[in-house]
Amino acid sequence: MRSNKLWVTWEKQQRNRSMSKSLNCELHEIISEHRGFLRRYIKSSFATFMLYRKERPCVIFAQNPSLILASISILYGKLTKTTVIIDAHNAGIKPFEGRIFILNLLADFIIREADLTIVTNELLAEYARSKNGRPVILPDPLPDLNCSNLVKSGARHKIKIFCISSWAIDEPYIEVIAAGQYLDDNIEIFITGNSKGKELKYVHSIPGNVILTGYLDDESYLNRLCDSDLAMVLTLRQDCMVCGAYEAIAAGVPVILSDTPALKSYFENNAIYTQNAAEEIALTINNAVKNLIALKISSEIAKDRVQMKWLRCKQDFDIQVGELMP
């Protein structure tokens, strides 16, 4: 009798690691080093098929995106009567913001044919239901981050804001850069990620208190996060849950998030919220800095509150998964 559960992804991402661990799944990160689109997807598809053939899992959890990985997993599940659960991110539900018709059709097929589709909030669940899917809501579990063993910088004269960014299309990074000019003199913003020159869209000189860190490896990223006074993760999407929010809360760092229905519904009073305009971002930061001592105290208990909320979501998830099993 098959009993193993596989969590399969074609990229490295914190959610895959924390979700697979929390759900007792074997994590398989199938990463191709080929730069060419066609060669990369052919190699990853073959490796995925061989993995399924070898392991013969009872349940497959596949990340979407990739649309190709999700499609392969569903087709394998149909052929072998294997339960397939798709972990659908926003880009998997609405690829390229819904602009490409053929990809929309493929995304709808995946939603419709998956035994279960994991989404992070009710707005995405409603959309999946409209496509005849069977959604279940399960946000990210808090990752296991330990800041206590990290050496923080000593006495300093500046307040550090750690803006967690991948310079994606849904992020107001130009507004974050512009916010620098409205901040109090003792505040610096550090923006993570490989910008690939996108900062050039800001036509003025980047304020001196806005620092682009570039890509950070895991250790450097965690060190900077834990050494920050505030974290900030912003999105233009109304239905997007941002991974950096979970990381900041897990690290015990007060976090500023975009004032959206999805984020406010889940994180409630465990975060600070801002509109995405530059002056509003700066105002929120300035006010947060003035209340920094109280925010740091409240961040110590925010971790427990968010974790308890996730456990309640997982109870509902376990019930729905149990209904799928023979």
C-alpha atoms as a PDB file:
ATOM      1  CA  MET A   1       0.000   0.000   0.000  1.00  0.00           C
ATOM      2  CA  ARG A   2       1.359   3.411  -0.970  1.00  0.00           C
ATOM      3  CA  SER A   3       1.809   5.732   1.977  1.00  0.00           C
ATOM      4  CA  ASN A   4       4.407   8.348   1.012  1.00  0.00           C
ATOM      5  CA  LYS A   5       3.509  11.967   0.291  1.00  0.00           C
ATOM      6  CA  LEU A   6       5.640  14.048  -2.053  1.00  0.00           C
ATOM      7  CA  TRP A   7       5.857  17.833  -2.229  1.00  0.00           C
ATOM      8  CA  VAL A   8       7.317  18.790  -5.608  1.00  0.00           C
ATOM      9  CA  THR A   9       8.483  22.172  -6.825  1.00  0.00           C
ATOM     10  CA  TRP A  10      10.628  23.485  -9.653  1.00  0.00           C
ATOM     11  CA  GLU A  11      12.026  26.372  -7.639  1.00  0.00           C
ATOM     12  CA  LYS A  12      13.479  27.137  -4.232  1.00  0.00           C
ATOM     13  CA  GLN A  13      11.064  29.016  -2.022  1.00  0.00           C
ATOM     14  CA  GLN A  14      10.463  29.278   1.718  1.00  0.00           C
ATOM     15  CA  ARG A  15       6.791  28.266   1.455  1.00  0.00           C
ATOM     16  CA  ASN A  16       7.688  24.903  -0.082  1.00  0.00           C
ATOM     17  CA  ARG A  17      10.073  24.128   2.743  1.00  0.00           C
ATOM     18  CA  SER A  18       7.795  25.170   5.586  1.00  0.00           C
ATOM     19  CA  MET A  19       4.628  23.653   4.076  1.00  0.00           C
ATOM     20  CA  SER A  20       6.219  20.297   3.237  1.00  0.00           C
ATOM     21  CA  LYS A  21       7.677  20.065   6.735  1.00  0.00           C
ATOM     22  CA  SER A  22       4.388  20.976   8.414  1.00  0.00           C
ATOM     23  CA  LEU A  23       2.445  18.446   6.317  1.00  0.00           C
ATOM     24  CA  ASN A  24       5.027  15.650   6.724  1.00  0.00           C
ATOM     25  CA  CYS A  25       5.809  15.450   3.016  1.00  0.00           C
ATOM     26  CA  GLU A  26       9.082  14.578   1.302  1.00  0.00           C
ATOM     27  CA  LEU A  27      10.273  17.790  -0.354  1.00  0.00           C
ATOM     28  CA  HIS A  28      11.731  17.467  -3.855  1.00  0.00           C
ATOM     29  CA  GLU A  29      13.142  20.649  -5.376  1.00  0.00           C
ATOM     30  CA  ILE A  30      13.740  19.840  -9.038  1.00  0.00           C
ATOM     31  CA  ILE A  31      15.995  22.646 -10.207  1.00  0.00           C
ATOM     32  CA  SER A  32      17.371  22.748 -13.734  1.00  0.00           C
ATOM     33  CA  GLU A  33      20.514  24.760 -14.422  1.00  0.00           C
ATOM     34  CA  HIS A  34      19.701  25.136 -18.129  1.00  0.00           C
ATOM     35  CA  ARG A  35      19.047  28.704 -19.190  1.00  0.00           C
ATOM     36  CA  GLY A  36      17.068  27.861 -22.291  1.00  0.00           C
ATOM     37  CA  PHE A  37      13.298  27.688 -21.728  1.00  0.00           C
ATOM     38  CA  LEU A  38      12.730  24.529 -23.773  1.00  0.00           C
ATOM     39  CA  ARG A  39      15.686  22.514 -22.405  1.00  0.00           C
ATOM     40  CA  ARG A  40      14.892  23.504 -18.826  1.00  0.00           C
ATOM     41  CA  TYR A  41      11.284  22.411 -19.025  1.00  0.00           C
ATOM     42  CA  ILE A  42      12.016  19.186 -20.882  1.00  0.00           C
ATOM     43  CA  LYS A  43      14.639  18.177 -18.320  1.00  0.00           C
ATOM     44  CA  SER A  44      12.463  19.145 -15.344  1.00  0.00           C
ATOM     45  CA  SER A  45       9.440  17.340 -16.804  1.00  0.00           C
ATOM     46  CA  PHE A  46      11.423  14.141 -17.361  1.00  0.00           C
ATOM     47  CA  ALA A  47      12.916  14.303 -13.840  1.00  0.00           C
ATOM     48  CA  THR A  48       9.437  14.791 -12.356  1.00  0.00           C
ATOM     49  CA  PHE A  49       7.956  11.853 -14.238  1.00  0.00           C
ATOM     50  CA  MET A  50      10.836   9.588 -13.184  1.00  0.00           C
ATOM     51  CA  LEU A  51      10.410  10.695  -9.572  1.00  0.00           C
ATOM     52  CA  TYR A  52       6.722   9.775  -9.603  1.00  0.00           C
ATOM     53  CA  ARG A  53       7.428   6.481 -11.311  1.00  0.00           C
ATOM     54  CA  LYS A  54      10.072   5.557  -8.749  1.00  0.00           C
ATOM     55  CA  GLU A  55       8.294   6.717  -5.583  1.00  0.00           C
ATOM     56  CA  ARG A  56       4.692   5.832  -6.534  1.00  0.00           C
ATOM     57  CA  PRO A  57       3.318   8.291  -3.954  1.00  0.00           C
ATOM     58  CA  CYS A  58      -0.157   8.106  -2.470  1.00  0.00           C
ATOM     59  CA  VAL A  59      -0.454  11.904  -2.583  1.00  0.00           C
ATOM     60  CA  ILE A  60       1.334  14.459  -4.745  1.00  0.00           C
ATOM     61  CA  PHE A  61       1.532  18.093  -3.688  1.00  0.00           C
ATOM     62  CA  ALA A  62       2.698  20.124  -6.700  1.00  0.00           C
ATOM     63  CA  GLN A  63       3.435  23.837  -6.757  1.00  0.00           C
ATOM     64  CA  ASN A  64       1.738  26.024  -9.348  1.00  0.00           C
ATOM     65  CA  PRO A  65       3.536  27.829 -10.863  1.00  0.00           C
ATOM     66  CA  SER A  66       4.914  26.010 -12.711  1.00  0.00           C
ATOM     67  CA  LEU A  67       1.842  25.415 -14.879  1.00  0.00           C
ATOM     68  CA  ILE A  68       3.796  22.635 -16.584  1.00  0.00           C
ATOM     69  CA  LEU A  69       4.632  20.887 -13.304  1.00  0.00           C
ATOM     70  CA  ALA A  70       1.009  21.141 -12.189  1.00  0.00           C
ATOM     71  CA  SER A  71      -0.240  19.759 -15.521  1.00  0.00           C
ATOM     72  CA  ILE A  72       2.184  16.835 -15.485  1.00  0.00           C
ATOM     73  CA  SER A  73       1.187  16.009 -11.923  1.00  0.00           C
ATOM     74  CA  ILE A  74      -2.523  16.044 -12.714  1.00  0.00           C
ATOM     75  CA  LEU A  75      -2.082  13.874 -15.819  1.00  0.00           C
ATOM     76  CA  TYR A  76       0.015  11.401 -13.820  1.00  0.00           C
ATOM     77  CA  GLY A  77      -2.657  11.366 -11.133  1.00  0.00           C
ATOM     78  CA  LYS A  78      -5.389  10.603 -13.661  1.00  0.00           C
ATOM     79  CA  LEU A  79      -3.394   7.730 -15.174  1.00  0.00           C
ATOM     80  CA  THR A  80      -2.414   6.140 -11.846  1.00  0.00           C
ATOM     81  CA  LYS A  81      -5.388   7.126  -9.654  1.00  0.00           C
ATOM     82  CA  THR A  82      -3.075   9.158  -7.417  1.00  0.00           C
ATOM     83  CA  THR A  83      -4.448  12.042  -5.374  1.00  0.00           C
ATOM     84  CA  VAL A  84      -3.017  15.333  -6.638  1.00  0.00           C
ATOM     85  CA  ILE A  85      -3.198  18.516  -4.590  1.00  0.00           C
ATOM     86  CA  ILE A  86      -2.035  21.725  -6.244  1.00  0.00           C
ATOM     87  CA  ASP A  87      -0.489  24.487  -4.142  1.00  0.00           C
ATOM     88  CA  ALA A  88      -1.664  27.446  -6.210  1.00  0.00           C
ATOM     89  CA  HIS A  89       0.083  30.781  -5.881  1.00  0.00           C
ATOM     90  CA  ASN A  90      -1.400  33.946  -7.403  1.00  0.00           C
ATOM     91  CA  ALA A  91       0.709  33.482 -10.535  1.00  0.00           C
ATOM     92  CA  GLY A  92      -0.676  29.967 -10.888  1.00  0.00           C
ATOM     93  CA  ILE A  93      -4.285  31.058 -10.484  1.00  0.00           C
ATOM     94  CA  LYS A  94      -3.935  34.054 -12.823  1.00  0.00           C
ATOM     95  CA  PRO A  95      -0.708  33.652 -14.841  1.00  0.00           C
ATOM     96  CA  PHE A  96       0.785  36.911 -16.098  1.00  0.00           C
ATOM     97  CA  GLU A  97      -2.103  38.764 -14.429  1.00  0.00           C
ATOM     98  CA  GLY A  98      -4.563  36.975 -16.744  1.00  0.00           C
ATOM     99  CA  ARG A  99      -3.243  38.634 -19.899  1.00  0.00           C
ATOM    100  CA  ILE A 100      -2.481  35.487 -21.943  1.00  0.00           C
ATOM    101  CA  PHE A 101      -5.562  33.574 -23.080  1.00  0.00           C
ATOM    102  CA  ILE A 102      -3.958  30.137 -23.590  1.00  0.00           C
ATOM    103  CA  LEU A 103      -2.319  30.242 -20.157  1.00  0.00           C
ATOM    104  CA  ASN A 104      -5.647  31.187 -18.602  1.00  0.00           C
ATOM    105  CA  LEU A 105      -7.179  28.080 -20.173  1.00  0.00           C
ATOM    106  CA  LEU A 106      -4.379  25.914 -18.787  1.00  0.00           C
ATOM    107  CA  ALA A 107      -4.688  27.476 -15.325  1.00  0.00           C
ATOM    108  CA  ASP A 108      -8.456  26.869 -15.356  1.00  0.00           C
ATOM    109  CA  PHE A 109      -7.888  23.241 -16.396  1.00  0.00           C
ATOM    110  CA  ILE A 110      -5.519  22.724 -13.469  1.00  0.00           C
ATOM    111  CA  ILE A 111      -7.978  24.242 -11.000  1.00  0.00           C
ATOM    112  CA  ARG A 112     -10.826  22.143 -12.350  1.00  0.00           C
ATOM    113  CA  GLU A 113      -8.990  18.818 -12.504  1.00  0.00           C
ATOM    114  CA  ALA A 114      -6.963  18.943  -9.275  1.00  0.00           C
ATOM    115  CA  ASP A 115      -8.397  16.871  -6.426  1.00  0.00           C
ATOM    116  CA  LEU A 116      -7.803  19.865  -4.184  1.00  0.00           C
ATOM    117  CA  THR A 117      -6.341  23.336  -4.751  1.00  0.00           C
ATOM    118  CA  ILE A 118      -4.541  25.015  -1.873  1.00  0.00           C
ATOM    119  CA  VAL A 119      -4.942  28.796  -1.845  1.00  0.00           C
ATOM    120  CA  THR A 120      -3.899  31.330   0.763  1.00  0.00           C
ATOM    121  CA  ASN A 121      -7.086  33.366   1.223  1.00  0.00           C
ATOM    122  CA  GLU A 122     -10.831  33.533   0.631  1.00  0.00           C
ATOM    123  CA  LEU A 123     -10.591  35.820  -2.423  1.00  0.00           C
ATOM    124  CA  LEU A 124      -8.560  33.206  -4.288  1.00  0.00           C
ATOM    125  CA  ALA A 125     -10.860  30.466  -3.002  1.00  0.00           C
ATOM    126  CA  GLU A 126     -13.864  32.269  -4.489  1.00  0.00           C
ATOM    127  CA  TYR A 127     -12.080  32.516  -7.832  1.00  0.00           C
ATOM    128  CA  ALA A 128     -11.195  28.807  -7.785  1.00  0.00           C
ATOM    129  CA  ARG A 129     -14.823  27.906  -7.059  1.00  0.00           C
ATOM    130  CA  SER A 130     -15.902  30.018 -10.038  1.00  0.00           C
ATOM    131  CA  LYS A 131     -13.695  27.750 -12.192  1.00  0.00           C
ATOM    132  CA  ASN A 132     -15.328  24.606 -10.752  1.00  0.00           C
ATOM    133  CA  GLY A 133     -12.358  23.850  -8.536  1.00  0.00           C
ATOM    134  CA  ARG A 134     -12.268  22.541  -4.982  1.00  0.00           C
ATOM    135  CA  PRO A 135     -10.201  25.058  -3.000  1.00  0.00           C
ATOM    136  CA  VAL A 136      -8.957  24.838   0.561  1.00  0.00           C
ATOM    137  CA  ILE A 137      -7.393  27.772   2.391  1.00  0.00           C
ATOM    138  CA  LEU A 138      -3.990  27.200   3.971  1.00  0.00           C
ATOM    139  CA  PRO A 139      -1.615  30.174   4.318  1.00  0.00           C
ATOM    140  CA  ASP A 140       2.092  29.685   4.937  1.00  0.00           C
ATOM    141  CA  PRO A 141       3.075  28.244   8.298  1.00  0.00           C
ATOM    142  CA  LEU A 142       5.556  30.409  10.121  1.00  0.00           C
ATOM    143  CA  PRO A 143       9.061  29.305   9.116  1.00  0.00           C
ATOM    144  CA  ASP A 144      11.518  28.128  11.739  1.00  0.00           C
ATOM    145  CA  LEU A 145      13.743  31.194  12.033  1.00  0.00           C
ATOM    146  CA  ASN A 146      16.058  31.622  14.983  1.00  0.00           C
ATOM    147  CA  CYS A 147      17.447  35.107  15.483  1.00  0.00           C
ATOM    148  CA  SER A 148      18.815  34.463  18.970  1.00  0.00           C
ATOM    149  CA  ASN A 149      22.102  32.998  17.701  1.00  0.00           C
ATOM    150  CA  LEU A 150      22.800  35.810  15.256  1.00  0.00           C
ATOM    151  CA  VAL A 151      25.184  38.595  16.143  1.00  0.00           C
ATOM    152  CA  LYS A 152      23.410  41.920  15.761  1.00  0.00           C
ATOM    153  CA  SER A 153      25.280  45.084  14.962  1.00  0.00           C
ATOM    154  CA  GLY A 154      26.267  47.173  17.958  1.00  0.00           C
ATOM    155  CA  ALA A 155      25.281  50.734  18.775  1.00  0.00           C
ATOM    156  CA  ARG A 156      23.992  52.594  15.740  1.00  0.00           C
ATOM    157  CA  HIS A 157      22.543  55.935  14.837  1.00  0.00           C
ATOM    158  CA  LYS A 158      20.061  54.890  12.150  1.00  0.00           C
ATOM    159  CA  ILE A 159      16.737  53.040  12.234  1.00  0.00           C
ATOM    160  CA  LYS A 160      16.799  50.152   9.732  1.00  0.00           C
ATOM    161  CA  ILE A 161      13.754  49.295   7.613  1.00  0.00           C
ATOM    162  CA  PHE A 162      14.139  45.968   5.806  1.00  0.00           C
ATOM    163  CA  CYS A 163      11.960  46.062   2.679  1.00  0.00           C
ATOM    164  CA  ILE A 164      11.550  42.496   1.437  1.00  0.00           C
ATOM    165  CA  SER A 165      11.221  42.653  -2.345  1.00  0.00           C
ATOM    166  CA  SER A 166      11.695  40.585  -5.481  1.00  0.00           C
ATOM    167  CA  TRP A 167      11.024  43.581  -7.759  1.00  0.00           C
ATOM    168  CA  ALA A 168       7.958  41.804  -9.131  1.00  0.00           C
ATOM    169  CA  ILE A 169       5.267  43.487 -11.186  1.00  0.00           C
ATOM    170  CA  ASP A 170       2.873  43.600  -8.230  1.00  0.00           C
ATOM    171  CA  GLU A 171       5.295  45.456  -5.939  1.00  0.00           C
ATOM    172  CA  PRO A 172       5.259  49.277  -5.584  1.00  0.00           C
ATOM    173  CA  TYR A 173       9.058  49.503  -5.510  1.00  0.00           C
ATOM    174  CA  ILE A 174       9.180  52.944  -7.133  1.00  0.00           C
ATOM    175  CA  GLU A 175       6.877  54.266  -4.411  1.00  0.00           C
ATOM    176  CA  VAL A 176       9.154  52.730  -1.762  1.00  0.00           C
ATOM    177  CA  ILE A 177      12.169  54.495  -3.285  1.00  0.00           C
ATOM    178  CA  ALA A 178      10.263  57.780  -3.440  1.00  0.00           C
ATOM    179  CA  ALA A 179       9.200  57.374   0.199  1.00  0.00           C
ATOM    180  CA  GLY A 180      12.821  57.854   1.246  1.00  0.00           C
ATOM    181  CA  GLN A 181      12.645  61.601   0.684  1.00  0.00           C
ATOM    182  CA  TYR A 182       9.800  61.943   3.204  1.00  0.00           C
ATOM    183  CA  LEU A 183      11.404  59.964   6.033  1.00  0.00           C
ATOM    184  CA  ASP A 184      12.892  61.349   9.193  1.00  0.00           C
ATOM    185  CA  ASP A 185      16.665  61.838   8.962  1.00  0.00           C
ATOM    186  CA  ASN A 186      17.510  58.854  11.190  1.00  0.00           C
ATOM    187  CA  ILE A 187      15.718  56.230   9.044  1.00  0.00           C
ATOM    188  CA  GLU A 188      17.163  54.056   6.267  1.00  0.00           C
ATOM    189  CA  ILE A 189      15.340  51.647   3.929  1.00  0.00           C
ATOM    190  CA  PHE A 190      17.156  48.551   2.665  1.00  0.00           C
ATOM    191  CA  ILE A 191      15.417  47.029  -0.396  1.00  0.00           C
ATOM    192  CA  THR A 192      16.295  43.405  -1.132  1.00  0.00           C
ATOM    193  CA  GLY A 193      16.386  41.500  -4.402  1.00  0.00           C
ATOM    194  CA  ASN A 194      17.931  41.710  -7.848  1.00  0.00           C
ATOM    195  CA  SER A 195      16.386  44.834  -9.347  1.00  0.00           C
ATOM    196  CA  LYS A 196      17.665  44.151 -12.886  1.00  0.00           C
ATOM    197  CA  GLY A 197      17.721  47.902 -13.427  1.00  0.00           C
ATOM    198  CA  LYS A 198      14.061  48.485 -12.549  1.00  0.00           C
ATOM    199  CA  GLU A 199      15.076  51.238 -10.152  1.00  0.00           C
ATOM    200  CA  LEU A 200      15.864  53.331 -13.251  1.00  0.00           C
ATOM    201  CA  LYS A 201      12.131  53.901 -13.629  1.00  0.00           C
ATOM    202  CA  TYR A 202      12.595  56.324 -10.753  1.00  0.00           C
ATOM    203  CA  VAL A 203      13.698  59.311 -12.797  1.00  0.00           C
ATOM    204  CA  HIS A 204      15.267  61.268  -9.935  1.00  0.00           C
ATOM    205  CA  SER A 205      18.364  60.455  -7.929  1.00  0.00           C
ATOM    206  CA  ILE A 206      17.661  57.668  -5.454  1.00  0.00           C
ATOM    207  CA  PRO A 207      17.529  59.192  -1.949  1.00  0.00           C
ATOM    208  CA  GLY A 208      20.665  58.573   0.068  1.00  0.00           C
ATOM    209  CA  ASN A 209      18.722  56.774   2.792  1.00  0.00           C
ATOM    210  CA  VAL A 210      17.445  54.133   0.337  1.00  0.00           C
ATOM    211  CA  ILE A 211      19.929  51.278  -0.145  1.00  0.00           C
ATOM    212  CA  LEU A 212      19.525  48.483  -2.695  1.00  0.00           C
ATOM    213  CA  THR A 213      21.067  45.337  -1.228  1.00  0.00           C
ATOM    214  CA  GLY A 214      20.909  43.206  -4.377  1.00  0.00           C
ATOM    215  CA  TYR A 215      20.365  39.482  -4.058  1.00  0.00           C
ATOM    216  CA  LEU A 216      21.055  38.099  -0.570  1.00  0.00           C
ATOM    217  CA  ASP A 217      21.869  34.473   0.189  1.00  0.00           C
ATOM    218  CA  ASP A 218      19.866  32.791   2.945  1.00  0.00           C
ATOM    219  CA  GLU A 219      22.325  33.564   5.729  1.00  0.00           C
ATOM    220  CA  SER A 220      22.778  37.215   4.759  1.00  0.00           C
ATOM    221  CA  TYR A 221      19.033  37.631   4.331  1.00  0.00           C
ATOM    222  CA  LEU A 222      18.262  36.245   7.785  1.00  0.00           C
ATOM    223  CA  ASN A 223      20.999  38.326   9.392  1.00  0.00           C
ATOM    224  CA  ARG A 224      19.683  41.534   7.868  1.00  0.00           C
ATOM    225  CA  LEU A 225      16.084  40.689   8.753  1.00  0.00           C
ATOM    226  CA  CYS A 226      16.904  39.938  12.383  1.00  0.00           C
ATOM    227  CA  ASP A 227      19.075  43.051  12.655  1.00  0.00           C
ATOM    228  CA  SER A 228      16.307  45.351  11.396  1.00  0.00           C
ATOM    229  CA  ASP A 229      14.013  47.531  13.471  1.00  0.00           C
ATOM    230  CA  LEU A 230      11.083  47.086  11.094  1.00  0.00           C
ATOM    231  CA  ALA A 231      10.328  44.897   8.095  1.00  0.00           C
ATOM    232  CA  MET A 232       8.131  45.957   5.187  1.00  0.00           C
ATOM    233  CA  VAL A 233       6.465  43.850   2.481  1.00  0.00           C
ATOM    234  CA  LEU A 234       4.131  45.537  -0.008  1.00  0.00           C
ATOM    235  CA  THR A 235       1.935  44.342  -2.868  1.00  0.00           C
ATOM    236  CA  LEU A 236      -0.498  45.932  -5.309  1.00  0.00           C
ATOM    237  CA  ARG A 237      -2.613  42.775  -5.438  1.00  0.00           C
ATOM    238  CA  GLN A 238      -5.712  42.733  -3.282  1.00  0.00           C
ATOM    239  CA  ASP A 239      -5.674  38.924  -2.989  1.00  0.00           C
ATOM    240  CA  CYS A 240      -1.970  38.244  -2.406  1.00  0.00           C
ATOM    241  CA  MET A 241      -0.379  36.873   0.763  1.00  0.00           C
ATOM    242  CA  VAL A 242       3.269  37.932   0.881  1.00  0.00           C
ATOM    243  CA  CYS A 243       5.856  35.400   2.060  1.00  0.00           C
ATOM    244  CA  GLY A 244       8.006  38.044   3.724  1.00  0.00           C
ATOM    245  CA  ALA A 245       5.236  38.767   6.231  1.00  0.00           C
ATOM    246  CA  TYR A 246       5.488  35.264   7.679  1.00  0.00           C
ATOM    247  CA  GLU A 247       9.272  35.534   7.844  1.00  0.00           C
ATOM    248  CA  ALA A 248       9.198  38.861   9.675  1.00  0.00           C
ATOM    249  CA  ILE A 249       6.644  37.638  12.228  1.00  0.00           C
ATOM    250  CA  ALA A 250       8.600  34.414  12.743  1.00  0.00           C
ATOM    251  CA  ALA A 251      11.726  36.494  13.371  1.00  0.00           C
ATOM    252  CA  GLY A 252       9.917  38.720  15.872  1.00  0.00           C
ATOM    253  CA  VAL A 253      10.365  41.858  13.745  1.00  0.00           C
ATOM    254  CA  PRO A 254       7.418  44.295  13.523  1.00  0.00           C
ATOM    255  CA  VAL A 255       6.161  44.341   9.933  1.00  0.00           C
ATOM    256  CA  ILE A 256       4.454  46.901   7.690  1.00  0.00           C
ATOM    257  CA  LEU A 257       2.112  45.437   5.048  1.00  0.00           C
ATOM    258  CA  SER A 258      -0.082  46.820   2.294  1.00  0.00           C
ATOM    259  CA  ASP A 259      -3.595  47.679   3.398  1.00  0.00           C
ATOM    260  CA  THR A 260      -5.373  44.937   1.420  1.00  0.00           C
ATOM    261  CA  PRO A 261      -8.338  42.687   2.291  1.00  0.00           C
ATOM    262  CA  ALA A 262      -6.331  39.456   2.128  1.00  0.00           C
ATOM    263  CA  LEU A 263      -3.505  40.652   4.372  1.00  0.00           C
ATOM    264  CA  LYS A 264      -5.682  42.428   6.939  1.00  0.00           C
ATOM    265  CA  SER A 265      -8.070  39.479   7.182  1.00  0.00           C
ATOM    266  CA  TYR A 266      -5.308  37.057   8.111  1.00  0.00           C
ATOM    267  CA  PHE A 267      -2.735  39.097  10.018  1.00  0.00           C
ATOM    268  CA  GLU A 268      -5.281  41.351  11.767  1.00  0.00           C
ATOM    269  CA  ASN A 269      -3.596  43.465  14.477  1.00  0.00           C
ATOM    270  CA  ASN A 270      -0.341  41.512  14.226  1.00  0.00           C
ATOM    271  CA  ALA A 271       0.969  43.915  11.575  1.00  0.00           C
ATOM    272  CA  ILE A 272       0.952  47.596  10.608  1.00  0.00           C
ATOM    273  CA  TYR A 273      -0.786  48.626   7.374  1.00  0.00           C
ATOM    274  CA  THR A 274      -0.143  51.296   4.777  1.00  0.00           C
ATOM    275  CA  GLN A 275      -1.439  52.502   1.460  1.00  0.00           C
ATOM    276  CA  ASN A 276       1.054  52.039  -1.373  1.00  0.00           C
ATOM    277  CA  ALA A 277       1.651  55.717  -2.215  1.00  0.00           C
ATOM    278  CA  ALA A 278       5.090  57.125  -1.336  1.00  0.00           C
ATOM    279  CA  GLU A 279       3.909  59.734   1.164  1.00  0.00           C
ATOM    280  CA  GLU A 280       1.627  57.225   2.892  1.00  0.00           C
ATOM    281  CA  ILE A 281       4.455  54.677   3.139  1.00  0.00           C
ATOM    282  CA  ALA A 282       6.745  57.301   4.683  1.00  0.00           C
ATOM    283  CA  LEU A 283       4.051  58.465   7.112  1.00  0.00           C
ATOM    284  CA  THR A 284       3.435  54.886   8.256  1.00  0.00           C
ATOM    285  CA  ILE A 285       7.167  54.288   8.762  1.00  0.00           C
ATOM    286  CA  ASN A 286       7.663  57.547  10.666  1.00  0.00           C
ATOM    287  CA  ASN A 287       4.725  56.783  12.964  1.00  0.00           C
ATOM    288  CA  ALA A 288       5.901  53.203  13.512  1.00  0.00           C
ATOM    289  CA  VAL A 289       9.384  54.381  14.484  1.00  0.00           C
ATOM    290  CA  LYS A 290       7.873  56.697  17.092  1.00  0.00           C
ATOM    291  CA  ASN A 291       6.120  53.669  18.626  1.00  0.00           C
ATOM    292  CA  LEU A 292       8.958  51.219  18.087  1.00  0.00           C
ATOM    293  CA  ILE A 293       9.306  50.031  21.700  1.00  0.00           C
ATOM    294  CA  ALA A 294       5.616  49.101  21.939  1.00  0.00           C
ATOM    295  CA  LEU A 295       5.701  47.458  18.497  1.00  0.00           C
ATOM    296  CA  LYS A 296       8.683  45.300  19.432  1.00  0.00           C
ATOM    297  CA  ILE A 297       6.906  44.138  22.580  1.00  0.00           C
ATOM    298  CA  SER A 298       3.740  43.241  20.651  1.00  0.00           C
ATOM    299  CA  SER A 299       5.767  41.417  17.992  1.00  0.00           C
ATOM    300  CA  GLU A 300       6.860  38.928  20.643  1.00  0.00           C
ATOM    301  CA  ILE A 301       3.283  37.657  21.029  1.00  0.00           C
ATOM    302  CA  ALA A 302       2.252  38.124  17.377  1.00  0.00           C
ATOM    303  CA  LYS A 303       4.150  34.973  16.481  1.00  0.00           C
ATOM    304  CA  ASP A 304       2.023  32.807  18.805  1.00  0.00           C
ATOM    305  CA  ARG A 305      -1.233  34.391  17.641  1.00  0.00           C
ATOM    306  CA  VAL A 306      -0.476  33.848  13.954  1.00  0.00           C
ATOM    307  CA  GLN A 307       0.698  30.302  14.577  1.00  0.00           C
ATOM    308  CA  MET A 308      -2.541  29.458  16.391  1.00  0.00           C
ATOM    309  CA  LYS A 309      -4.552  30.856  13.489  1.00  0.00           C
ATOM    310  CA  TRP A 310      -2.589  28.689  11.053  1.00  0.00           C
ATOM    311  CA  LEU A 311      -3.249  25.591  13.144  1.00  0.00           C
ATOM    312  CA  ARG A 312      -6.983  26.257  12.899  1.00  0.00           C
ATOM    313  CA  CYS A 313      -6.653  26.504   9.110  1.00  0.00           C
ATOM    314  CA  LYS A 314      -4.710  23.244   9.082  1.00  0.00           C
ATOM    315  CA  GLN A 315      -7.482  21.449  10.991  1.00  0.00           C
ATOM    316  CA  ASP A 316      -9.937  22.322   8.208  1.00  0.00           C
ATOM    317  CA  PHE A 317      -7.336  21.341   5.616  1.00  0.00           C
ATOM    318  CA  ASP A 318      -6.772  17.935   7.234  1.00  0.00           C
ATOM    319  CA  ILE A 319     -10.505  17.227   7.175  1.00  0.00           C
ATOM    320  CA  GLN A 320     -10.749  17.953   3.451  1.00  0.00           C
ATOM    321  CA  VAL A 321      -7.653  15.909   2.622  1.00  0.00           C
ATOM    322  CA  GLY A 322      -9.017  13.046   4.709  1.00  0.00           C
ATOM    323  CA  GLU A 323     -12.166  13.011   2.605  1.00  0.00           C
ATOM    324  CA  LEU A 324     -10.037  12.339  -0.486  1.00  0.00           C
ATOM    325  CA  MET A 325      -8.255   9.307   0.929  1.00  0.00           C
ATOM    326  CA  PRO A 326      -9.618   5.757   0.452  1.00  0.00           C
END
